[in-house]
């Protein structure tokens, strides 16, 4: 046989093979209900593996003789019960400044009595500090806040390199603060107890900081790091906080620029839980939270870890943050991790010269809580680019292989591949956009947060539309453009290749942008590249749907991980969306993250429904689930977001009495009312069918245009930021506050230059008071007794200036001065507006206010207190 005849024979053989594979593929097409079963299989995999592992907690250890040198949850729980019994712990209150400090000092003294003092030195210091710094847009001024500081050192240690472990014991009004952050405080105490009663050696002294003013915000950590005698020796910090309670704690910030730290966490944490993606989301500022970690880094140049409770954030900062929502297993989980981490870092040689090990960021994540993966961001870039390149190369090899097996021109296969690539670009956009459209539409009907108390609704609202968007373009293409030249199995494979190329291109772009969270795309691609390589190296690639077996086996890993990762975000972010304010639709965030999780979890798998007959039935099922869910959100109580105690609506308002004094001392306005700062998107509409009477509730926008800071006692920087959404409910009966703040003008002195006048004041008021200053247009506020750098940076901090003042154990009045400049030297006219906002956080108010608060429905968590506002003109 000649060469020409042999080539013809080989071609006929390949064509016969392709035809036989095409026929085999048609025979292997399963009934339509197999497609529904296929999706159900992955749903059951999620329910049976992801959910149990996500909520898994270790068995709590008890006070037994055999449990020596380990964290004992039972003992920590007893301490936590004692701390919880004190109640709320607002800065400046008797509970916080006296009872809690005494309780903690007593616990520390008991630990010292049990300690092996022949091995260790324990020093206890109660720091009382005053100071100030700029926090967001306000000057954060504090007086007499307290820290309990314990230093545990090896006996006679002369080391000047310390490890800092921090948490806070103060609380928001109404909250017993058992989770935020009593859980972490008692963890620290138990870790101190275990280390000080064990003979396991460590090199670096450990400073345990129990700070008494974090909620104020972040004042006590600033006081420690800028003023305490041990602060300058601290090199690494483990900051422990809470945005939830009763579950596993998450590592959501590390470093910065010290990837070696993550290696210690990987080795030490018995129950790892953390992700770079969470770190990057938090650092965008999208979330309504802040921690002491930023203070330690900004003012002390410390590196380390930011770790927080994050599950069940529904009770965060409410009266339901109680002992009964914290299982001992949660304490054991935190204690095991922190004890091991403290021991490891207390022996870390890197602490001796932290700067020498500063070498970029780390990429880190846990896999279902079973193990922890980390590597440097530079290695991550190589991995991202390498995997993306491998995916694209293998796709081209596969296209060539399909052409060879099907006896068609490679150019034809490439053309079909490009067409299906276009469908996958459309599919990616639709998979991301359709859930966002649903979120936007529901919000337009006033139905934001429909999933708030029933997270399962996320499946119908966002997951199903995303799956439809992912699969519909390719299915329509297959229906409209039949291709008898290649097997249908190969035709499906071209669509999967298109999705892989989309992910590869996205991975390359995001890596070039510098986004470390690109690791999620890379690891998703890895588990497509590996089975593709195996199929190409064997005959599975060419044998009908045989290649899908290897693919489905490997897809289990990214399905489980991505499902776990984005379920974490849904669990953590959903409660936060209930305090995201009225101005922004929070569902856009949840829907986008859910859609992204669906794309990464099911992007390859959903295309396989085309293997089954009548794949349109699967789409009808998905659309039906979505339609039923949307109907339930629209027309039934299923979509009502709030439930008593477990999923509450946060209702924050003040009982306000405000008085406006003119330049001549006369009163131009004196009225009372309730000032609302609604925390959630639905605002007052969620209360319409309840017993609370909100008749007359109006926006304060008109007052915001007329008065400095809307003429109301805005509490802090968050209230100032969202002041345009503030609402006002007038009250006829004047509100009686527990006392009235006094702003006493001590002196008014024209300075020798004749162009400057100096005012000196004494302010007497409650433990939380704000001062607002607005000079008139022809007047310059040039100097004052507060932080001068804040005053001078008017580009970043334009007037009106906000001085947020709070005090703890020291209750003396605030004395201050400011100097005003005026070009003509005429100081006998109006020069400056001064607003004084006084807040009585521990008071429930007068009888009418109490009755009004009690009229709210059981699903409302009311946080309110009396406040006064006086406007003066000097």
Foldseek 3Di string as FASTA:
>chain_A
DDPVVVVVVLLVVLQVLQLVLQVVLVVLFAALVVLVVLVVVLVVLCVVALVCLQFDFDDAADPDPVPALAFHLVVLLVLLQVLLVLAAAAFADCSQQPVNVVSVVVLVVVLVVLFPVVFKDKDWDKDFDWFWDDDQQAIETEGGWIKIKIKIATPPDPDLAEEEEEAESHAFFLASCSVFPVLRVSLLSSLSSSVRHDPPDFRHIYMYMHGYACPSPLVRLLRCCVPNPSNLSYAAYEYEGALAAAGAKEWQDFFAQFQVQVVLLQVQQPQYFYFPVSNVVVVVVLFPDDGNVVSCCPRVVHTYTYMYHFFLSLCGRFNLSHSVSHDSSRSSNVNSSVSRSVRSVSHDPCSVPVVVRRHHHKGKGQQSRRGIDMDHLVVVLVLLLVLLVLLVVLLLVLLVVQCSSLVHDSVVSVVLLVVLLVLQVQLLCQLQVQLLVLLVVCVVVLQFLLCLAPVVLCCLSALLSSLCSLAVSLVVVCVVDPDPSGRVQVSLVSNLSSNSNVLSVVSNVVVVVPRSNSVLSSVLSVLVSVLSVVCVVDVLSSNNNSSVVSSVVSLSRSLSRLSSVLVSVCSRCSSSQLQSFQPDRCSSVNNNSSSVSSCSNCNSPSSCSVSHPPSVVVSVVSNVSNVVSVCCSVPHCSSLNFDFSSRFREWEKEFEWEWEAEAVGDTPDTFTWIKTGGRHNSGCVSQPPFQFDQPQKAFLQVLVVVDFLSRTQQQDPVCSVPVRRMITRTDDDGFDAPDDKDKAWPDWAQDPVLFKIKTKIWIAARQWKKKWKDWDPQKQFQDKPHDNVSSVPCVSNPDRHIHIYGYHPDRGIDIMMTMMGGPVSDPPDWTMKMKMKHWDQNDQTDPVSVVSVVRGDSRYRYRYGYMYMYIYTD
